[in-house]
N, C-alpha and C. Protein backbone atom coordinates (compact mmCIF):
# COMPACT_ATOMS: atom_id res chain seq x y z
N MET A 1 184.97 112.55 86.25
CA MET A 1 184.96 111.13 86.48
C MET A 1 183.52 110.60 86.44
N LYS A 2 183.31 109.53 85.72
CA LYS A 2 181.98 108.95 85.59
C LYS A 2 181.52 108.34 86.91
N LYS A 3 180.24 108.47 87.16
CA LYS A 3 179.61 107.79 88.28
C LYS A 3 179.38 106.33 87.89
N SER A 4 179.26 105.47 88.89
CA SER A 4 178.95 104.07 88.64
C SER A 4 177.46 103.83 88.80
N ILE A 5 176.93 102.96 87.95
CA ILE A 5 175.52 102.60 88.02
C ILE A 5 175.41 101.08 87.98
N TYR A 6 174.56 100.56 88.84
CA TYR A 6 174.27 99.13 88.85
C TYR A 6 172.86 98.93 88.31
N CYS A 7 172.72 98.03 87.35
CA CYS A 7 171.44 97.80 86.70
C CYS A 7 170.76 96.56 87.26
N VAL A 8 169.53 96.74 87.70
CA VAL A 8 168.71 95.69 88.29
C VAL A 8 167.58 95.36 87.30
N HIS A 9 167.36 94.08 87.10
CA HIS A 9 166.28 93.62 86.21
C HIS A 9 165.97 92.18 86.59
N PRO A 10 164.72 91.75 86.54
CA PRO A 10 164.41 90.35 86.83
C PRO A 10 165.19 89.40 85.91
N ILE A 11 165.59 88.26 86.46
CA ILE A 11 166.32 87.25 85.70
C ILE A 11 165.60 85.91 85.74
N SER A 12 165.21 85.45 86.91
CA SER A 12 164.55 84.14 87.05
C SER A 12 163.32 84.06 86.16
N GLY A 13 163.19 82.93 85.47
CA GLY A 13 162.05 82.71 84.59
C GLY A 13 162.27 83.17 83.17
N LEU A 14 163.33 83.96 82.94
CA LEU A 14 163.63 84.44 81.59
C LEU A 14 164.67 83.55 80.93
N SER A 15 164.73 83.59 79.61
CA SER A 15 165.75 82.83 78.88
C SER A 15 167.08 83.58 78.93
N ALA A 16 168.15 82.84 78.71
CA ALA A 16 169.47 83.46 78.67
C ALA A 16 169.53 84.51 77.57
N ASP A 17 168.91 84.22 76.44
CA ASP A 17 168.91 85.18 75.34
C ASP A 17 168.25 86.49 75.76
N ASP A 18 167.10 86.40 76.43
CA ASP A 18 166.41 87.61 76.89
C ASP A 18 167.25 88.40 77.89
N VAL A 19 167.85 87.69 78.84
CA VAL A 19 168.61 88.34 79.90
C VAL A 19 169.90 88.97 79.35
N PHE A 20 170.67 88.21 78.59
CA PHE A 20 171.92 88.75 78.06
C PHE A 20 171.67 89.88 77.07
N THR A 21 170.60 89.77 76.29
CA THR A 21 170.26 90.85 75.35
C THR A 21 169.90 92.11 76.13
N TYR A 22 169.07 91.97 77.17
CA TYR A 22 168.69 93.15 77.96
C TYR A 22 169.93 93.83 78.54
N TYR A 23 170.78 93.05 79.19
CA TYR A 23 171.94 93.66 79.86
C TYR A 23 172.97 94.21 78.87
N THR A 24 173.12 93.59 77.72
CA THR A 24 174.01 94.14 76.68
C THR A 24 173.46 95.48 76.20
N ASP A 25 172.17 95.53 75.92
CA ASP A 25 171.54 96.76 75.44
C ASP A 25 171.61 97.89 76.48
N ILE A 26 171.28 97.58 77.73
CA ILE A 26 171.29 98.64 78.75
C ILE A 26 172.70 99.14 79.00
N LYS A 27 173.66 98.24 78.97
CA LYS A 27 175.05 98.65 79.16
C LYS A 27 175.48 99.57 78.02
N ASN A 28 175.11 99.23 76.80
CA ASN A 28 175.43 100.09 75.66
C ASN A 28 174.78 101.46 75.77
N ARG A 29 173.52 101.50 76.23
CA ARG A 29 172.82 102.78 76.32
C ARG A 29 173.35 103.67 77.43
N LEU A 30 173.81 103.10 78.53
CA LEU A 30 174.23 103.91 79.68
C LEU A 30 175.73 104.16 79.76
N SER A 31 176.52 103.42 79.02
CA SER A 31 177.98 103.47 79.20
C SER A 31 178.63 104.79 78.78
N GLU A 32 177.95 105.59 78.00
CA GLU A 32 178.51 106.89 77.65
C GLU A 32 178.60 107.80 78.88
N ASN A 33 177.64 107.65 79.79
CA ASN A 33 177.56 108.53 80.96
C ASN A 33 177.95 107.87 82.28
N TYR A 34 178.00 106.53 82.32
CA TYR A 34 178.25 105.81 83.57
C TYR A 34 179.22 104.66 83.37
N ASN A 35 179.88 104.28 84.44
CA ASN A 35 180.54 102.98 84.52
C ASN A 35 179.44 102.01 84.91
N VAL A 36 179.06 101.14 84.00
CA VAL A 36 177.90 100.28 84.18
C VAL A 36 178.30 98.92 84.76
N MET A 37 177.62 98.55 85.83
CA MET A 37 177.80 97.23 86.41
C MET A 37 176.50 96.45 86.26
N ILE A 38 176.65 95.17 85.90
CA ILE A 38 175.47 94.32 85.67
C ILE A 38 175.66 92.98 86.38
N PRO A 39 174.56 92.36 86.80
CA PRO A 39 174.68 91.10 87.53
C PRO A 39 175.11 89.92 86.69
N MET A 40 175.19 90.04 85.38
CA MET A 40 175.61 88.91 84.54
C MET A 40 177.12 88.83 84.39
N THR A 41 177.85 89.72 85.03
CA THR A 41 179.31 89.70 84.98
C THR A 41 179.82 88.33 85.42
N GLY A 42 180.65 87.72 84.59
CA GLY A 42 181.24 86.42 84.92
C GLY A 42 180.32 85.24 84.72
N LYS A 43 179.16 85.46 84.11
CA LYS A 43 178.19 84.37 83.98
C LYS A 43 178.01 83.90 82.53
N ALA A 44 179.02 84.07 81.70
CA ALA A 44 178.92 83.66 80.30
C ALA A 44 178.59 82.17 80.17
N SER A 45 178.98 81.38 81.16
CA SER A 45 178.69 79.94 81.12
C SER A 45 177.19 79.64 81.14
N LEU A 46 176.39 80.64 81.47
CA LEU A 46 174.94 80.44 81.56
C LEU A 46 174.21 80.86 80.28
N ARG A 47 174.95 81.17 79.22
CA ARG A 47 174.33 81.66 77.99
C ARG A 47 173.39 80.66 77.32
N CYS A 48 173.47 79.40 77.66
CA CYS A 48 172.62 78.39 77.02
C CYS A 48 171.40 78.02 77.87
N GLU A 49 171.16 78.72 78.95
CA GLU A 49 170.00 78.42 79.80
C GLU A 49 168.70 78.73 79.06
N LEU A 50 167.80 77.77 79.04
CA LEU A 50 166.50 78.00 78.41
C LEU A 50 165.61 78.85 79.30
N GLU A 51 165.74 78.66 80.62
CA GLU A 51 164.99 79.46 81.58
C GLU A 51 165.80 79.55 82.88
N PHE A 52 166.15 80.76 83.26
CA PHE A 52 166.91 80.94 84.49
C PHE A 52 166.07 80.57 85.70
N ARG A 53 166.71 79.92 86.64
CA ARG A 53 166.06 79.59 87.90
C ARG A 53 166.71 80.42 89.01
N GLY A 54 166.10 80.43 90.15
CA GLY A 54 166.56 81.28 91.25
C GLY A 54 167.75 80.76 92.02
N GLU A 55 168.17 79.55 91.77
CA GLU A 55 169.32 78.97 92.49
C GLU A 55 169.76 77.70 91.81
N GLY A 56 170.89 77.15 92.29
CA GLY A 56 171.30 75.83 91.84
C GLY A 56 172.36 75.76 90.77
N TYR A 57 173.12 76.79 90.55
CA TYR A 57 174.18 76.76 89.54
C TYR A 57 175.53 76.51 90.23
N GLN A 58 175.67 75.36 90.83
CA GLN A 58 176.82 75.07 91.68
C GLN A 58 178.03 74.53 90.92
N ASP A 59 177.91 74.27 89.62
CA ASP A 59 178.99 73.64 88.88
C ASP A 59 180.11 74.62 88.48
N ASN A 60 179.91 75.90 88.65
CA ASN A 60 180.91 76.91 88.30
C ASN A 60 181.09 77.81 89.53
N PRO A 61 182.33 78.06 89.95
CA PRO A 61 182.54 78.88 91.14
C PRO A 61 181.98 80.30 91.03
N LEU A 62 181.79 80.80 89.81
CA LEU A 62 181.26 82.15 89.62
C LEU A 62 179.74 82.20 89.66
N THR A 63 179.09 81.03 89.65
CA THR A 63 177.64 81.02 89.63
C THR A 63 177.02 80.25 90.80
N THR A 64 177.80 79.99 91.82
CA THR A 64 177.21 79.39 93.02
C THR A 64 176.26 80.40 93.65
N ASN A 65 175.36 79.91 94.48
CA ASN A 65 174.44 80.82 95.17
C ASN A 65 175.21 81.91 95.90
N HIS A 66 176.25 81.50 96.62
CA HIS A 66 177.03 82.45 97.41
C HIS A 66 177.75 83.47 96.53
N ALA A 67 178.36 83.00 95.44
CA ALA A 67 179.08 83.91 94.55
C ALA A 67 178.15 84.95 93.94
N ILE A 68 176.97 84.52 93.52
CA ILE A 68 176.01 85.45 92.93
C ILE A 68 175.55 86.47 93.97
N PHE A 69 175.19 86.01 95.14
CA PHE A 69 174.73 86.88 96.22
C PHE A 69 175.79 87.92 96.57
N GLU A 70 177.01 87.47 96.79
CA GLU A 70 178.08 88.38 97.22
C GLU A 70 178.49 89.35 96.12
N ARG A 71 178.57 88.88 94.87
CA ARG A 71 178.97 89.77 93.77
C ARG A 71 177.92 90.85 93.56
N ASP A 72 176.66 90.47 93.57
CA ASP A 72 175.60 91.47 93.36
C ASP A 72 175.57 92.47 94.51
N ARG A 73 175.73 91.98 95.73
CA ARG A 73 175.77 92.90 96.88
C ARG A 73 176.96 93.84 96.77
N TRP A 74 178.12 93.32 96.40
CA TRP A 74 179.32 94.14 96.24
C TRP A 74 179.10 95.21 95.17
N MET A 75 178.47 94.83 94.05
CA MET A 75 178.22 95.80 92.99
C MET A 75 177.29 96.92 93.46
N VAL A 76 176.28 96.57 94.24
CA VAL A 76 175.40 97.61 94.80
C VAL A 76 176.21 98.54 95.68
N THR A 77 177.09 97.99 96.52
CA THR A 77 177.87 98.85 97.42
C THR A 77 178.81 99.77 96.65
N GLN A 78 179.29 99.34 95.49
CA GLN A 78 180.24 100.13 94.71
C GLN A 78 179.59 101.19 93.83
N SER A 79 178.30 101.10 93.66
CA SER A 79 177.59 101.98 92.73
C SER A 79 177.15 103.28 93.39
N ASP A 80 177.10 104.32 92.56
CA ASP A 80 176.57 105.61 92.99
C ASP A 80 175.05 105.64 92.79
N VAL A 81 174.61 105.00 91.70
CA VAL A 81 173.20 105.01 91.31
C VAL A 81 172.78 103.57 91.04
N ILE A 82 171.54 103.26 91.39
CA ILE A 82 170.95 101.96 91.08
C ILE A 82 169.80 102.22 90.12
N TYR A 83 169.82 101.54 88.98
CA TYR A 83 168.75 101.65 88.00
C TYR A 83 168.00 100.32 87.99
N ALA A 84 166.82 100.30 88.56
CA ALA A 84 166.02 99.08 88.66
C ALA A 84 164.87 99.15 87.66
N ASN A 85 164.90 98.27 86.70
CA ASN A 85 163.86 98.22 85.68
C ASN A 85 163.01 96.97 85.90
N LEU A 86 161.85 97.15 86.48
CA LEU A 86 160.93 96.04 86.74
C LEU A 86 159.77 96.03 85.75
N LYS A 87 159.88 96.84 84.71
CA LYS A 87 158.82 96.96 83.70
C LYS A 87 158.55 95.61 83.06
N GLY A 88 157.28 95.26 82.98
CA GLY A 88 156.88 94.04 82.30
C GLY A 88 156.94 92.78 83.16
N ALA A 89 157.46 92.88 84.38
CA ALA A 89 157.49 91.72 85.27
C ALA A 89 156.09 91.51 85.81
N THR A 90 155.42 90.47 85.33
CA THR A 90 154.01 90.29 85.66
C THR A 90 153.67 88.99 86.36
N ASP A 91 154.51 87.97 86.19
CA ASP A 91 154.08 86.66 86.69
C ASP A 91 154.80 86.17 87.95
N ARG A 92 155.89 86.82 88.35
CA ARG A 92 156.56 86.42 89.58
C ARG A 92 157.38 87.58 90.13
N VAL A 93 157.46 87.63 91.43
CA VAL A 93 158.28 88.65 92.09
C VAL A 93 159.74 88.28 91.90
N SER A 94 160.55 89.27 91.57
CA SER A 94 161.99 89.06 91.42
C SER A 94 162.65 89.23 92.79
N ILE A 95 162.90 88.11 93.45
CA ILE A 95 163.46 88.17 94.80
C ILE A 95 164.85 88.79 94.78
N GLY A 96 165.67 88.45 93.80
CA GLY A 96 167.00 89.06 93.71
C GLY A 96 166.92 90.57 93.57
N SER A 97 166.02 91.04 92.73
CA SER A 97 165.85 92.49 92.55
C SER A 97 165.42 93.15 93.85
N MET A 98 164.56 92.47 94.61
CA MET A 98 164.10 93.03 95.88
C MET A 98 165.25 93.14 96.88
N PHE A 99 166.13 92.15 96.91
CA PHE A 99 167.30 92.23 97.77
C PHE A 99 168.18 93.39 97.35
N GLU A 100 168.39 93.55 96.05
CA GLU A 100 169.25 94.63 95.56
C GLU A 100 168.67 95.99 95.92
N LEU A 101 167.36 96.15 95.82
CA LEU A 101 166.73 97.40 96.23
C LEU A 101 166.87 97.62 97.73
N ALA A 102 166.72 96.57 98.52
CA ALA A 102 166.87 96.70 99.98
C ALA A 102 168.29 97.11 100.34
N TRP A 103 169.29 96.47 99.73
CA TRP A 103 170.68 96.85 100.00
C TRP A 103 170.89 98.32 99.62
N ALA A 104 170.40 98.69 98.44
CA ALA A 104 170.59 100.06 97.96
C ALA A 104 169.96 101.07 98.93
N SER A 105 168.76 100.78 99.37
CA SER A 105 168.08 101.68 100.31
C SER A 105 168.87 101.77 101.62
N TYR A 106 169.27 100.65 102.15
CA TYR A 106 170.01 100.61 103.41
C TYR A 106 171.32 101.41 103.31
N LEU A 107 171.97 101.34 102.14
CA LEU A 107 173.24 102.01 101.95
C LEU A 107 173.09 103.46 101.49
N GLY A 108 171.86 103.92 101.33
CA GLY A 108 171.64 105.30 100.91
C GLY A 108 171.99 105.57 99.46
N LYS A 109 171.89 104.57 98.61
CA LYS A 109 172.17 104.74 97.18
C LYS A 109 170.99 105.45 96.53
N TYR A 110 171.26 106.16 95.47
CA TYR A 110 170.21 106.83 94.72
C TYR A 110 169.57 105.81 93.78
N VAL A 111 168.26 105.57 93.92
CA VAL A 111 167.58 104.52 93.18
C VAL A 111 166.57 105.12 92.20
N VAL A 112 166.75 104.78 90.93
CA VAL A 112 165.81 105.14 89.88
C VAL A 112 165.09 103.86 89.48
N LEU A 113 163.77 103.86 89.62
CA LEU A 113 162.96 102.66 89.41
C LEU A 113 162.00 102.86 88.25
N VAL A 114 161.89 101.83 87.41
CA VAL A 114 160.87 101.78 86.37
C VAL A 114 159.95 100.61 86.72
N MET A 115 158.65 100.92 86.77
CA MET A 115 157.69 99.90 87.17
C MET A 115 156.32 100.24 86.58
N ASP A 116 155.63 99.21 86.13
CA ASP A 116 154.27 99.41 85.64
C ASP A 116 153.35 99.85 86.77
N LYS A 117 152.30 100.57 86.41
CA LYS A 117 151.33 101.02 87.40
C LYS A 117 150.68 99.84 88.13
N GLU A 118 150.47 98.76 87.43
CA GLU A 118 149.84 97.57 87.99
C GLU A 118 150.87 96.46 88.19
N SER A 119 152.04 96.79 88.63
CA SER A 119 153.13 95.82 88.77
C SER A 119 152.92 94.85 89.94
N ILE A 120 153.37 93.63 89.75
CA ILE A 120 153.39 92.65 90.83
C ILE A 120 154.33 93.11 91.95
N HIS A 121 155.25 94.01 91.62
CA HIS A 121 156.21 94.54 92.59
C HIS A 121 155.69 95.78 93.32
N ARG A 122 154.48 96.19 93.00
CA ARG A 122 153.92 97.40 93.62
C ARG A 122 153.66 97.10 95.10
N HIS A 123 154.53 97.61 95.93
CA HIS A 123 154.48 97.36 97.37
C HIS A 123 155.13 98.57 98.05
N ALA A 124 154.68 98.90 99.23
CA ALA A 124 155.21 100.07 99.94
C ALA A 124 156.73 100.01 100.07
N PHE A 125 157.30 98.85 100.37
CA PHE A 125 158.75 98.74 100.55
C PHE A 125 159.49 99.05 99.25
N VAL A 126 158.99 98.54 98.14
CA VAL A 126 159.64 98.79 96.84
C VAL A 126 159.55 100.27 96.49
N MET A 127 158.39 100.84 96.65
CA MET A 127 158.20 102.24 96.29
C MET A 127 159.00 103.17 97.20
N GLU A 128 159.11 102.83 98.48
CA GLU A 128 159.87 103.67 99.40
C GLU A 128 161.38 103.49 99.24
N ALA A 129 161.81 102.37 98.68
CA ALA A 129 163.24 102.16 98.42
C ALA A 129 163.72 103.00 97.24
N ALA A 130 162.77 103.42 96.39
CA ALA A 130 163.12 104.20 95.21
C ALA A 130 163.11 105.68 95.52
N ASP A 131 164.05 106.40 94.91
CA ASP A 131 164.07 107.85 95.03
C ASP A 131 163.17 108.51 94.01
N VAL A 132 163.03 107.87 92.86
CA VAL A 132 162.15 108.36 91.81
C VAL A 132 161.63 107.15 91.04
N ILE A 133 160.34 107.20 90.66
CA ILE A 133 159.71 106.08 89.97
C ILE A 133 159.14 106.57 88.65
N PHE A 134 159.48 105.84 87.58
CA PHE A 134 158.97 106.13 86.24
C PHE A 134 158.16 104.95 85.75
N GLU A 135 157.30 105.19 84.77
CA GLU A 135 156.51 104.10 84.18
C GLU A 135 157.09 103.62 82.86
N ASP A 136 158.11 104.31 82.33
CA ASP A 136 158.71 103.85 81.08
C ASP A 136 160.22 104.07 81.10
N GLU A 137 160.90 103.18 80.39
CA GLU A 137 162.37 103.20 80.35
C GLU A 137 162.93 104.46 79.69
N GLU A 138 162.28 104.91 78.65
CA GLU A 138 162.81 106.06 77.91
C GLU A 138 162.92 107.29 78.80
N THR A 139 161.88 107.57 79.57
CA THR A 139 161.89 108.73 80.46
C THR A 139 162.92 108.54 81.57
N ALA A 140 162.99 107.34 82.11
CA ALA A 140 163.97 107.06 83.17
C ALA A 140 165.39 107.23 82.67
N GLU A 141 165.67 106.71 81.48
CA GLU A 141 167.02 106.79 80.94
C GLU A 141 167.39 108.21 80.53
N ALA A 142 166.42 108.99 80.07
CA ALA A 142 166.67 110.40 79.78
C ALA A 142 167.02 111.13 81.07
N TYR A 143 166.31 110.80 82.15
CA TYR A 143 166.62 111.38 83.46
C TYR A 143 168.02 110.97 83.93
N LEU A 144 168.37 109.70 83.76
CA LEU A 144 169.70 109.23 84.16
C LEU A 144 170.80 109.98 83.42
N GLU A 145 170.56 110.30 82.15
CA GLU A 145 171.53 111.07 81.38
C GLU A 145 171.69 112.47 81.97
N LYS A 146 170.59 113.11 82.30
CA LYS A 146 170.64 114.43 82.91
C LYS A 146 171.29 114.38 84.28
N LEU A 147 171.01 113.34 85.01
CA LEU A 147 171.61 113.15 86.33
C LEU A 147 173.13 113.05 86.23
N ALA A 148 173.58 112.34 85.20
CA ALA A 148 175.03 112.13 85.02
C ALA A 148 175.76 113.41 84.64
N ASP A 149 175.13 114.21 83.76
CA ASP A 149 175.85 115.41 83.29
C ASP A 149 175.37 116.71 83.93
N GLY A 150 174.39 116.61 84.82
CA GLY A 150 173.96 117.81 85.55
C GLY A 150 173.16 118.81 84.75
N THR A 151 172.48 118.35 83.70
CA THR A 151 171.71 119.28 82.88
C THR A 151 170.27 119.40 83.39
N PHE A 152 169.58 120.38 82.87
CA PHE A 152 168.19 120.63 83.27
C PHE A 152 167.22 119.87 82.41
């Protein structure tokens, strides 16, 4: 039986095209080994956003502040592994990603983190919430594959 993985990545400040492309690609890359959960589930109505903001999507019941918060928290609770990719986040802290890492740590989830050496997210809490930290996605994803199938 496949393990579940929840994918964390900054969203605020990015375009819908960037966000949906990232999550489509990561889901495709990990789905052979994991049941992949992503925070964009049910958010197709946001595909035309020029720049995602941190709140204020109250016109759709699936994108209210509360719905987003609860769905993402629920997905973290349901996952066996959390894959947090903060690579390239340079101009603002991803508050949603930080909450997801905090929930994961509190719940004892296994966290694989990708982060630049000089990341804006470089903080003791972020680093201690992670079980393993990589500087590039390729190495992290190769590790996730080995983690899923138990290889050396």
